[in-house]
Structure formats: C-alpha cells, structure tokens
N, C-alpha and C. Protein backbone atom coordinates (compact mmCIF):
# COMPACT_ATOMS: atom_id res chain seq x y z
N MET A 1 40.58 71.57 -45.55
CA MET A 1 40.41 70.77 -46.66
C MET A 1 40.13 71.77 -47.85
N THR A 2 38.78 72.22 -47.66
CA THR A 2 38.22 72.84 -48.84
C THR A 2 39.01 74.30 -49.03
N THR A 3 39.36 74.91 -48.19
CA THR A 3 40.06 76.13 -48.21
C THR A 3 41.48 76.04 -48.93
N ALA A 4 41.55 74.81 -49.31
CA ALA A 4 42.93 74.85 -49.98
C ALA A 4 42.76 74.97 -51.56
N ARG A 5 41.46 74.67 -51.72
CA ARG A 5 41.07 74.97 -53.28
C ARG A 5 40.93 76.52 -53.25
N THR A 6 41.97 76.96 -53.54
CA THR A 6 42.12 78.36 -53.95
C THR A 6 41.74 78.57 -55.53
N ASP A 7 41.41 78.19 -56.17
CA ASP A 7 40.49 78.05 -57.52
C ASP A 7 39.04 78.51 -57.47
N LEU A 8 38.60 78.11 -56.03
CA LEU A 8 37.13 78.09 -56.01
C LEU A 8 36.94 79.35 -55.15
N SER A 9 35.76 80.00 -55.43
CA SER A 9 35.15 80.86 -54.30
C SER A 9 34.87 80.79 -53.21
N VAL A 10 34.37 81.48 -52.51
CA VAL A 10 34.34 81.49 -51.01
C VAL A 10 33.22 80.54 -51.08
N ARG A 11 32.10 81.13 -51.84
CA ARG A 11 30.73 80.24 -51.71
C ARG A 11 30.85 78.73 -52.11
N ASN A 12 31.83 78.66 -53.23
CA ASN A 12 31.88 77.50 -53.77
C ASN A 12 32.61 76.59 -52.79
N GLN A 13 33.46 77.10 -52.28
CA GLN A 13 34.21 76.43 -51.09
C GLN A 13 33.21 75.84 -50.10
N GLU A 14 32.38 76.94 -49.69
CA GLU A 14 31.54 76.37 -48.46
C GLU A 14 30.25 75.26 -49.24
N ILE A 15 29.90 75.12 -50.45
CA ILE A 15 29.31 74.19 -51.10
C ILE A 15 30.06 73.19 -51.08
N LEU A 16 31.06 73.19 -51.39
CA LEU A 16 31.89 71.74 -51.47
C LEU A 16 31.89 71.14 -50.10
N TYR A 17 32.41 72.03 -48.76
CA TYR A 17 32.57 71.36 -47.42
C TYR A 17 31.08 71.00 -47.15
N ASP A 18 30.04 71.49 -47.67
CA ASP A 18 28.64 70.86 -47.19
C ASP A 18 28.27 69.74 -47.81
N THR A 19 28.70 69.55 -49.02
CA THR A 19 28.76 68.24 -49.67
C THR A 19 29.51 67.15 -49.27
N VAL A 20 30.79 67.60 -48.87
CA VAL A 20 31.79 66.50 -48.21
C VAL A 20 31.35 66.28 -46.64
N PHE A 21 30.78 67.18 -46.24
CA PHE A 21 30.30 66.94 -44.79
C PHE A 21 29.06 65.74 -44.66
N LEU A 22 28.10 66.12 -45.60
CA LEU A 22 26.77 65.55 -45.61
C LEU A 22 27.26 64.00 -46.18
N GLY A 23 27.98 63.67 -47.20
CA GLY A 23 28.21 62.60 -47.70
C GLY A 23 29.50 61.53 -46.29
N LEU A 24 30.36 62.37 -45.51
CA LEU A 24 30.75 61.57 -44.53
C LEU A 24 29.62 61.31 -43.57
N LEU A 25 28.84 62.00 -43.16
CA LEU A 25 27.69 61.79 -42.19
C LEU A 25 26.78 60.70 -42.89
N GLU A 26 26.54 60.77 -44.17
CA GLU A 26 25.57 59.67 -44.43
C GLU A 26 26.37 58.36 -44.64
N ASP A 27 27.53 58.30 -44.98
CA ASP A 27 28.70 57.11 -44.76
C ASP A 27 28.81 56.46 -43.47
N SER A 28 28.67 57.53 -42.49
CA SER A 28 28.85 57.01 -41.01
C SER A 28 27.50 56.19 -40.37
N VAL A 29 26.30 56.88 -40.97
CA VAL A 29 24.99 56.22 -40.70
C VAL A 29 24.80 54.71 -41.62
N ARG A 30 24.89 55.33 -42.69
CA ARG A 30 24.70 54.11 -43.67
C ARG A 30 23.29 53.18 -44.00
N ILE A 31 22.68 53.86 -43.43
CA ILE A 31 21.15 53.32 -43.50
C ILE A 31 20.11 54.49 -43.63
N MET A 32 20.43 55.65 -43.71
CA MET A 32 19.95 56.84 -44.10
C MET A 32 20.24 57.45 -45.31
N SER A 33 19.21 57.78 -46.29
CA SER A 33 19.74 58.68 -47.59
C SER A 33 20.03 59.72 -46.94
N THR A 34 20.47 60.53 -47.86
CA THR A 34 20.91 62.07 -47.70
C THR A 34 19.49 63.01 -47.26
N GLU A 35 18.56 62.57 -48.28
CA GLU A 35 17.26 63.27 -47.71
C GLU A 35 16.74 63.20 -46.39
N GLU A 36 16.84 61.84 -45.99
CA GLU A 36 16.41 61.78 -44.40
C GLU A 36 17.57 61.97 -43.49
N LEU A 37 18.77 62.26 -43.73
CA LEU A 37 19.67 62.87 -42.70
C LEU A 37 19.19 64.51 -42.76
N LEU A 38 18.90 65.15 -44.09
CA LEU A 38 18.51 66.54 -43.97
C LEU A 38 17.26 66.52 -42.71
N ASP A 39 16.26 65.71 -43.05
CA ASP A 39 15.40 65.97 -42.32
C ASP A 39 15.45 65.61 -40.98
N VAL A 40 16.23 64.91 -40.46
CA VAL A 40 16.69 64.54 -39.01
C VAL A 40 17.59 65.99 -38.51
N LEU A 41 18.36 66.31 -39.58
CA LEU A 41 19.41 67.39 -38.91
C LEU A 41 18.36 68.76 -39.21
N ALA A 42 17.11 69.07 -39.91
CA ALA A 42 16.27 70.10 -39.71
C ALA A 42 15.47 70.04 -38.59
N THR A 43 15.42 69.15 -37.65
CA THR A 43 14.42 69.00 -36.73
C THR A 43 15.38 69.29 -35.30
C-alpha cells in the first residue's frame, strides 16, 4: 500500500506505513492509547 506512493521518499513511505500500522493496531485494541500501545510493544 505505502509503496504505491511513488511521490514519497522511501523514508516517508516507512513513516506512513508505521503510522497506518499503529492506527490499525490501536483500532483493534480500542482500549489503549497510542502511547500505551508503544509501551506494550517496547517490552
């Protein structure tokens, strides 16, 4: 999906992917904030 954005640099494609991934993960959990999810993923 993000690689289809040829107008973005590779780094910006990675940032977009990470943002979308975290958003989808947060939506699937629905009880945690992004900050809480990052804390869980960091452990």
